[in-house]
Amino acid sequence: QEQAVVCIRNLSVNDENEIKIVQEGALPPLIKLLQSPVERIQEHAAGALRNLSVNNDNKVKIVIEGALPHLIALLRSREESIRELAGWTLRNLAVNAENKVLIVEEGGLVPLIALLHSMNERAQEHAAGALRSLSVNAENQNLIVQNLGLPPLVALLHSQNAAVQEQAA
């Protein structure tokens, strides 16, 4: 499994392959691998989904196939790299208007806000980027504030990392 998921992750970097991988039915097994007891497999599955989620059609298909609860669960992983990849994938998915609502409905808001407190600047950047996209929705704006998302976003405006600052702004 690990070698196969690494191969799919590597292949998914190519724009043409993003479409073909999904057409060949890779989403259900990749989503199942997010639940693997082996963290390396979780990481590579999340990385493959991150790559696939760049494609607009795939953003919808990934959610339809049921990835959201598993990606949201990975935001609480012990492994920083897994939390980062899950946040990055959710950031990509949150660009889609329907996904903005579904991510919040599935419980993604609180763990994304928690990820803002990470010591990993890339995890902070992707969590802030996901929240940035989610905040385009008026109801989500209120929920972000109610769930104490504003103080860590303001704090990230003082980050030494320009990409973190940009996403928090």
C-alpha atoms as a PDB file:
ATOM      1  CA  GLN A   1       0.000   0.000   0.000  1.00  0.00           C
ATOM      2  CA  GLU A   2       2.691   2.469   0.928  1.00  0.00           C
ATOM      3  CA  GLN A   3       4.587   2.103  -2.349  1.00  0.00           C
ATOM      4  CA  ALA A   4       1.379   2.426  -4.361  1.00  0.00           C
ATOM      5  CA  VAL A   5       0.213   5.544  -2.536  1.00  0.00           C
ATOM      6  CA  VAL A   6       3.672   7.134  -2.885  1.00  0.00           C
ATOM      7  CA  CYS A   7       3.548   6.428  -6.616  1.00  0.00           C
ATOM      8  CA  ILE A   8       0.057   7.970  -6.927  1.00  0.00           C
ATOM      9  CA  ARG A   9       1.237  10.984  -4.913  1.00  0.00           C
ATOM     10  CA  ASN A  10       4.196  11.440  -7.256  1.00  0.00           C
ATOM     11  CA  LEU A  11       2.059  11.015 -10.373  1.00  0.00           C
ATOM     12  CA  SER A  12      -0.563  13.439  -9.063  1.00  0.00           C
ATOM     13  CA  VAL A  13       1.845  16.371  -9.348  1.00  0.00           C
ATOM     14  CA  ASN A  14       1.252  16.371 -13.131  1.00  0.00           C
ATOM     15  CA  ASP A  15      -1.809  18.364 -14.261  1.00  0.00           C
ATOM     16  CA  GLU A  16      -2.934  15.775 -16.807  1.00  0.00           C
ATOM     17  CA  ASN A  17      -2.505  12.972 -14.306  1.00  0.00           C
ATOM     18  CA  GLU A  18      -4.706  14.788 -11.758  1.00  0.00           C
ATOM     19  CA  ILE A  19      -7.693  14.096 -13.987  1.00  0.00           C
ATOM     20  CA  LYS A  20      -6.691  10.593 -15.055  1.00  0.00           C
ATOM     21  CA  ILE A  21      -6.027   9.419 -11.500  1.00  0.00           C
ATOM     22  CA  VAL A  22      -9.543  10.413 -10.462  1.00  0.00           C
ATOM     23  CA  GLN A  23     -11.077   8.931 -13.631  1.00  0.00           C
ATOM     24  CA  GLU A  24      -9.357   5.629 -12.866  1.00  0.00           C
ATOM     25  CA  GLY A  25     -11.135   5.462  -9.509  1.00  0.00           C
ATOM     26  CA  ALA A  26      -8.299   6.340  -7.139  1.00  0.00           C
ATOM     27  CA  LEU A  27     -10.312   8.595  -4.820  1.00  0.00           C
ATOM     28  CA  PRO A  28     -12.113   5.901  -2.744  1.00  0.00           C
ATOM     29  CA  PRO A  29      -8.911   3.980  -1.925  1.00  0.00           C
ATOM     30  CA  LEU A  30      -6.965   7.195  -1.238  1.00  0.00           C
ATOM     31  CA  ILE A  31      -9.695   8.368   1.123  1.00  0.00           C
ATOM     32  CA  LYS A  32      -9.692   4.985   2.844  1.00  0.00           C
ATOM     33  CA  LEU A  33      -5.911   5.254   3.288  1.00  0.00           C
ATOM     34  CA  LEU A  34      -6.411   8.494   5.247  1.00  0.00           C
ATOM     35  CA  GLN A  35      -7.650   6.150   7.988  1.00  0.00           C
ATOM     36  CA  SER A  36      -4.657   3.804   7.844  1.00  0.00           C
ATOM     37  CA  PRO A  37      -3.035   2.959  11.191  1.00  0.00           C
ATOM     38  CA  VAL A  38       0.321   3.679   9.491  1.00  0.00           C
ATOM     39  CA  GLU A  39       1.046   7.403   9.657  1.00  0.00           C
ATOM     40  CA  ARG A  40       3.353   7.372   6.602  1.00  0.00           C
ATOM     41  CA  ILE A  41       0.452   6.013   4.544  1.00  0.00           C
ATOM     42  CA  GLN A  42      -1.879   8.688   5.942  1.00  0.00           C
ATOM     43  CA  GLU A  43       0.691  11.326   5.021  1.00  0.00           C
ATOM     44  CA  HIS A  44       1.116  10.131   1.439  1.00  0.00           C
ATOM     45  CA  ALA A  45      -2.647   9.737   0.935  1.00  0.00           C
ATOM     46  CA  ALA A  46      -3.181  13.288   2.218  1.00  0.00           C
ATOM     47  CA  GLY A  47      -0.358  14.481  -0.050  1.00  0.00           C
ATOM     48  CA  ALA A  48      -1.923  12.825  -3.077  1.00  0.00           C
ATOM     49  CA  LEU A  49      -5.314  14.362  -2.254  1.00  0.00           C
ATOM     50  CA  ARG A  50      -3.643  17.740  -1.782  1.00  0.00           C
ATOM     51  CA  ASN A  51      -2.180  17.452  -5.289  1.00  0.00           C
ATOM     52  CA  LEU A  52      -5.464  16.248  -6.781  1.00  0.00           C
ATOM     53  CA  SER A  53      -7.434  19.013  -5.033  1.00  0.00           C
ATOM     54  CA  VAL A  54      -5.747  21.675  -7.155  1.00  0.00           C
ATOM     55  CA  ASN A  55      -8.087  20.712 -10.017  1.00  0.00           C
ATOM     56  CA  ASN A  56     -11.510  22.403  -9.780  1.00  0.00           C
ATOM     57  CA  ASP A  57     -13.489  19.304 -10.788  1.00  0.00           C
ATOM     58  CA  ASN A  58     -11.537  17.215  -8.304  1.00  0.00           C
ATOM     59  CA  LYS A  59     -12.385  19.655  -5.502  1.00  0.00           C
ATOM     60  CA  VAL A  60     -16.025  18.606  -5.850  1.00  0.00           C
ATOM     61  CA  LYS A  61     -15.330  14.898  -6.405  1.00  0.00           C
ATOM     62  CA  ILE A  62     -13.061  14.588  -3.365  1.00  0.00           C
ATOM     63  CA  VAL A  63     -15.823  15.961  -1.149  1.00  0.00           C
ATOM     64  CA  ILE A  64     -18.544  13.852  -2.805  1.00  0.00           C
ATOM     65  CA  GLU A  65     -16.431  10.739  -2.197  1.00  0.00           C
ATOM     66  CA  GLY A  66     -16.444  11.500   1.535  1.00  0.00           C
ATOM     67  CA  ALA A  67     -12.949  12.830   2.268  1.00  0.00           C
ATOM     68  CA  LEU A  68     -13.928  15.743   4.519  1.00  0.00           C
ATOM     69  CA  PRO A  69     -14.430  13.944   7.847  1.00  0.00           C
ATOM     70  CA  HIS A  70     -11.149  12.063   7.399  1.00  0.00           C
ATOM     71  CA  LEU A  71      -9.168  15.162   6.421  1.00  0.00           C
ATOM     72  CA  ILE A  72     -10.672  17.042   9.362  1.00  0.00           C
ATOM     73  CA  ALA A  73      -9.733  14.163  11.680  1.00  0.00           C
ATOM     74  CA  LEU A  74      -6.143  14.371  10.398  1.00  0.00           C
ATOM     75  CA  LEU A  75      -5.970  17.999  11.553  1.00  0.00           C
ATOM     76  CA  ARG A  76      -5.663  16.433  15.024  1.00  0.00           C
ATOM     77  CA  SER A  77      -2.897  13.967  14.065  1.00  0.00           C
ATOM     78  CA  ARG A  78       0.171  13.619  16.280  1.00  0.00           C
ATOM     79  CA  GLU A  79       2.325  14.187  13.194  1.00  0.00           C
ATOM     80  CA  GLU A  80       2.877  17.802  12.175  1.00  0.00           C
ATOM     81  CA  SER A  81       3.396  16.882   8.507  1.00  0.00           C
ATOM     82  CA  ILE A  82       0.004  15.144   8.399  1.00  0.00           C
ATOM     83  CA  ARG A  83      -1.736  18.131  10.015  1.00  0.00           C
ATOM     84  CA  GLU A  84      -0.043  20.417   7.488  1.00  0.00           C
ATOM     85  CA  LEU A  85      -1.115  18.321   4.485  1.00  0.00           C
ATOM     86  CA  ALA A  86      -4.677  17.966   5.767  1.00  0.00           C
ATOM     87  CA  GLY A  87      -4.859  21.740   6.243  1.00  0.00           C
ATOM     88  CA  TRP A  88      -3.399  22.346   2.798  1.00  0.00           C
ATOM     89  CA  THR A  89      -5.925  19.998   1.186  1.00  0.00           C
ATOM     90  CA  LEU A  90      -8.795  21.672   3.037  1.00  0.00           C
ATOM     91  CA  ARG A  91      -7.411  25.043   1.934  1.00  0.00           C
ATOM     92  CA  ASN A  92      -7.591  23.868  -1.686  1.00  0.00           C
ATOM     93  CA  LEU A  93     -11.073  22.413  -1.232  1.00  0.00           C
ATOM     94  CA  ALA A  94     -12.367  25.564   0.504  1.00  0.00           C
ATOM     95  CA  VAL A  95     -12.026  27.567  -2.710  1.00  0.00           C
ATOM     96  CA  ASN A  96     -15.245  25.874  -3.923  1.00  0.00           C
ATOM     97  CA  ALA A  97     -18.430  27.667  -2.751  1.00  0.00           C
ATOM     98  CA  GLU A  98     -20.295  24.493  -1.727  1.00  0.00           C
ATOM     99  CA  ASN A  99     -17.248  23.130   0.043  1.00  0.00           C
ATOM    100  CA  LYS A 100     -17.042  26.310   2.151  1.00  0.00           C
ATOM    101  CA  VAL A 101     -20.333  25.307   3.762  1.00  0.00           C
ATOM    102  CA  LEU A 102     -19.609  21.566   3.934  1.00  0.00           C
ATOM    103  CA  ILE A 103     -16.214  21.944   5.615  1.00  0.00           C
ATOM    104  CA  VAL A 104     -17.839  23.933   8.419  1.00  0.00           C
ATOM    105  CA  GLU A 105     -20.819  21.547   8.648  1.00  0.00           C
ATOM    106  CA  GLU A 106     -18.408  18.615   8.989  1.00  0.00           C
ATOM    107  CA  GLY A 107     -16.693  20.288  11.953  1.00  0.00           C
ATOM    108  CA  GLY A 108     -13.600  21.655  10.233  1.00  0.00           C
ATOM    109  CA  LEU A 109     -13.654  25.127  11.719  1.00  0.00           C
ATOM    110  CA  VAL A 110     -12.408  24.430  15.264  1.00  0.00           C
ATOM    111  CA  PRO A 111      -9.461  22.199  14.241  1.00  0.00           C
ATOM    112  CA  LEU A 112      -8.441  24.702  11.540  1.00  0.00           C
ATOM    113  CA  ILE A 113      -8.470  27.467  14.147  1.00  0.00           C
ATOM    114  CA  ALA A 114      -6.412  25.223  16.457  1.00  0.00           C
ATOM    115  CA  LEU A 115      -3.885  24.696  13.646  1.00  0.00           C
ATOM    116  CA  LEU A 116      -3.239  28.457  13.647  1.00  0.00           C
ATOM    117  CA  HIS A 117      -1.390  27.857  16.958  1.00  0.00           C
ATOM    118  CA  SER A 118       1.011  25.346  15.362  1.00  0.00           C
ATOM    119  CA  MET A 119       4.746  25.947  15.549  1.00  0.00           C
ATOM    120  CA  ASN A 120       4.923  24.920  11.872  1.00  0.00           C
ATOM    121  CA  GLU A 121       4.610  28.080   9.772  1.00  0.00           C
ATOM    122  CA  ARG A 122       3.404  26.182   6.701  1.00  0.00           C
ATOM    123  CA  ALA A 123       0.633  24.597   8.775  1.00  0.00           C
ATOM    124  CA  GLN A 124      -0.270  28.090  10.031  1.00  0.00           C
ATOM    125  CA  GLU A 125      -0.258  29.406   6.463  1.00  0.00           C
ATOM    126  CA  HIS A 126      -2.562  26.666   5.172  1.00  0.00           C
ATOM    127  CA  ALA A 127      -4.932  26.888   8.133  1.00  0.00           C
ATOM    128  CA  ALA A 128      -5.140  30.673   7.696  1.00  0.00           C
ATOM    129  CA  GLY A 129      -5.607  30.193   3.943  1.00  0.00           C
ATOM    130  CA  ALA A 130      -8.443  27.734   4.514  1.00  0.00           C
ATOM    131  CA  LEU A 131     -10.090  30.111   6.990  1.00  0.00           C
ATOM    132  CA  ARG A 132      -9.585  32.943   4.529  1.00  0.00           C
ATOM    133  CA  SER A 133     -11.531  31.033   1.883  1.00  0.00           C
ATOM    134  CA  LEU A 134     -14.182  29.913   4.375  1.00  0.00           C
ATOM    135  CA  SER A 135     -14.654  33.525   5.515  1.00  0.00           C
ATOM    136  CA  VAL A 136     -15.997  34.537   2.111  1.00  0.00           C
ATOM    137  CA  ASN A 137     -19.249  32.943   3.326  1.00  0.00           C
ATOM    138  CA  ALA A 138     -21.121  35.395   5.603  1.00  0.00           C
ATOM    139  CA  GLU A 139     -22.316  32.716   8.037  1.00  0.00           C
ATOM    140  CA  ASN A 140     -18.788  31.336   8.300  1.00  0.00           C
ATOM    141  CA  GLN A 141     -17.520  34.826   9.179  1.00  0.00           C
ATOM    142  CA  ASN A 142     -19.664  34.826  12.297  1.00  0.00           C
ATOM    143  CA  LEU A 143     -18.696  31.253  13.171  1.00  0.00           C
ATOM    144  CA  ILE A 144     -14.979  31.990  12.876  1.00  0.00           C
ATOM    145  CA  VAL A 145     -15.327  34.876  15.343  1.00  0.00           C
ATOM    146  CA  GLN A 146     -17.622  32.871  17.689  1.00  0.00           C
ATOM    147  CA  ASN A 147     -15.106  29.998  17.729  1.00  0.00           C
ATOM    148  CA  LEU A 148     -12.268  32.351  18.775  1.00  0.00           C
ATOM    149  CA  GLY A 149     -10.577  32.422  15.384  1.00  0.00           C
ATOM    150  CA  LEU A 150      -9.961  36.148  15.380  1.00  0.00           C
ATOM    151  CA  PRO A 151      -7.233  36.424  18.098  1.00  0.00           C
ATOM    152  CA  PRO A 152      -4.868  33.862  16.500  1.00  0.00           C
ATOM    153  CA  LEU A 153      -5.418  35.388  13.048  1.00  0.00           C
ATOM    154  CA  VAL A 154      -4.524  38.831  14.421  1.00  0.00           C
ATOM    155  CA  ALA A 155      -1.478  37.322  16.136  1.00  0.00           C
ATOM    156  CA  LEU A 156      -0.335  35.819  12.818  1.00  0.00           C
ATOM    157  CA  LEU A 157      -0.294  39.306  11.301  1.00  0.00           C
ATOM    158  CA  HIS A 158       2.886  39.743  13.402  1.00  0.00           C
ATOM    159  CA  SER A 159       4.512  36.590  11.989  1.00  0.00           C
ATOM    160  CA  GLN A 160       8.010  36.878  10.534  1.00  0.00           C
ATOM    161  CA  ASN A 161       6.746  34.775   7.611  1.00  0.00           C
ATOM    162  CA  ALA A 162       5.232  36.921   4.830  1.00  0.00           C
ATOM    163  CA  ALA A 163       3.100  34.044   3.477  1.00  0.00           C
ATOM    164  CA  VAL A 164       1.566  33.492   6.922  1.00  0.00           C
ATOM    165  CA  GLN A 165       0.870  37.213   7.236  1.00  0.00           C
ATOM    166  CA  GLU A 166      -0.732  37.331   3.804  1.00  0.00           C
ATOM    167  CA  GLN A 167      -3.126  34.453   4.534  1.00  0.00           C
ATOM    168  CA  ALA A 168      -4.038  35.843   7.963  1.00  0.00           C
ATOM    169  CA  ALA A 169      -4.779  39.289   6.517  1.00  0.00           C
END
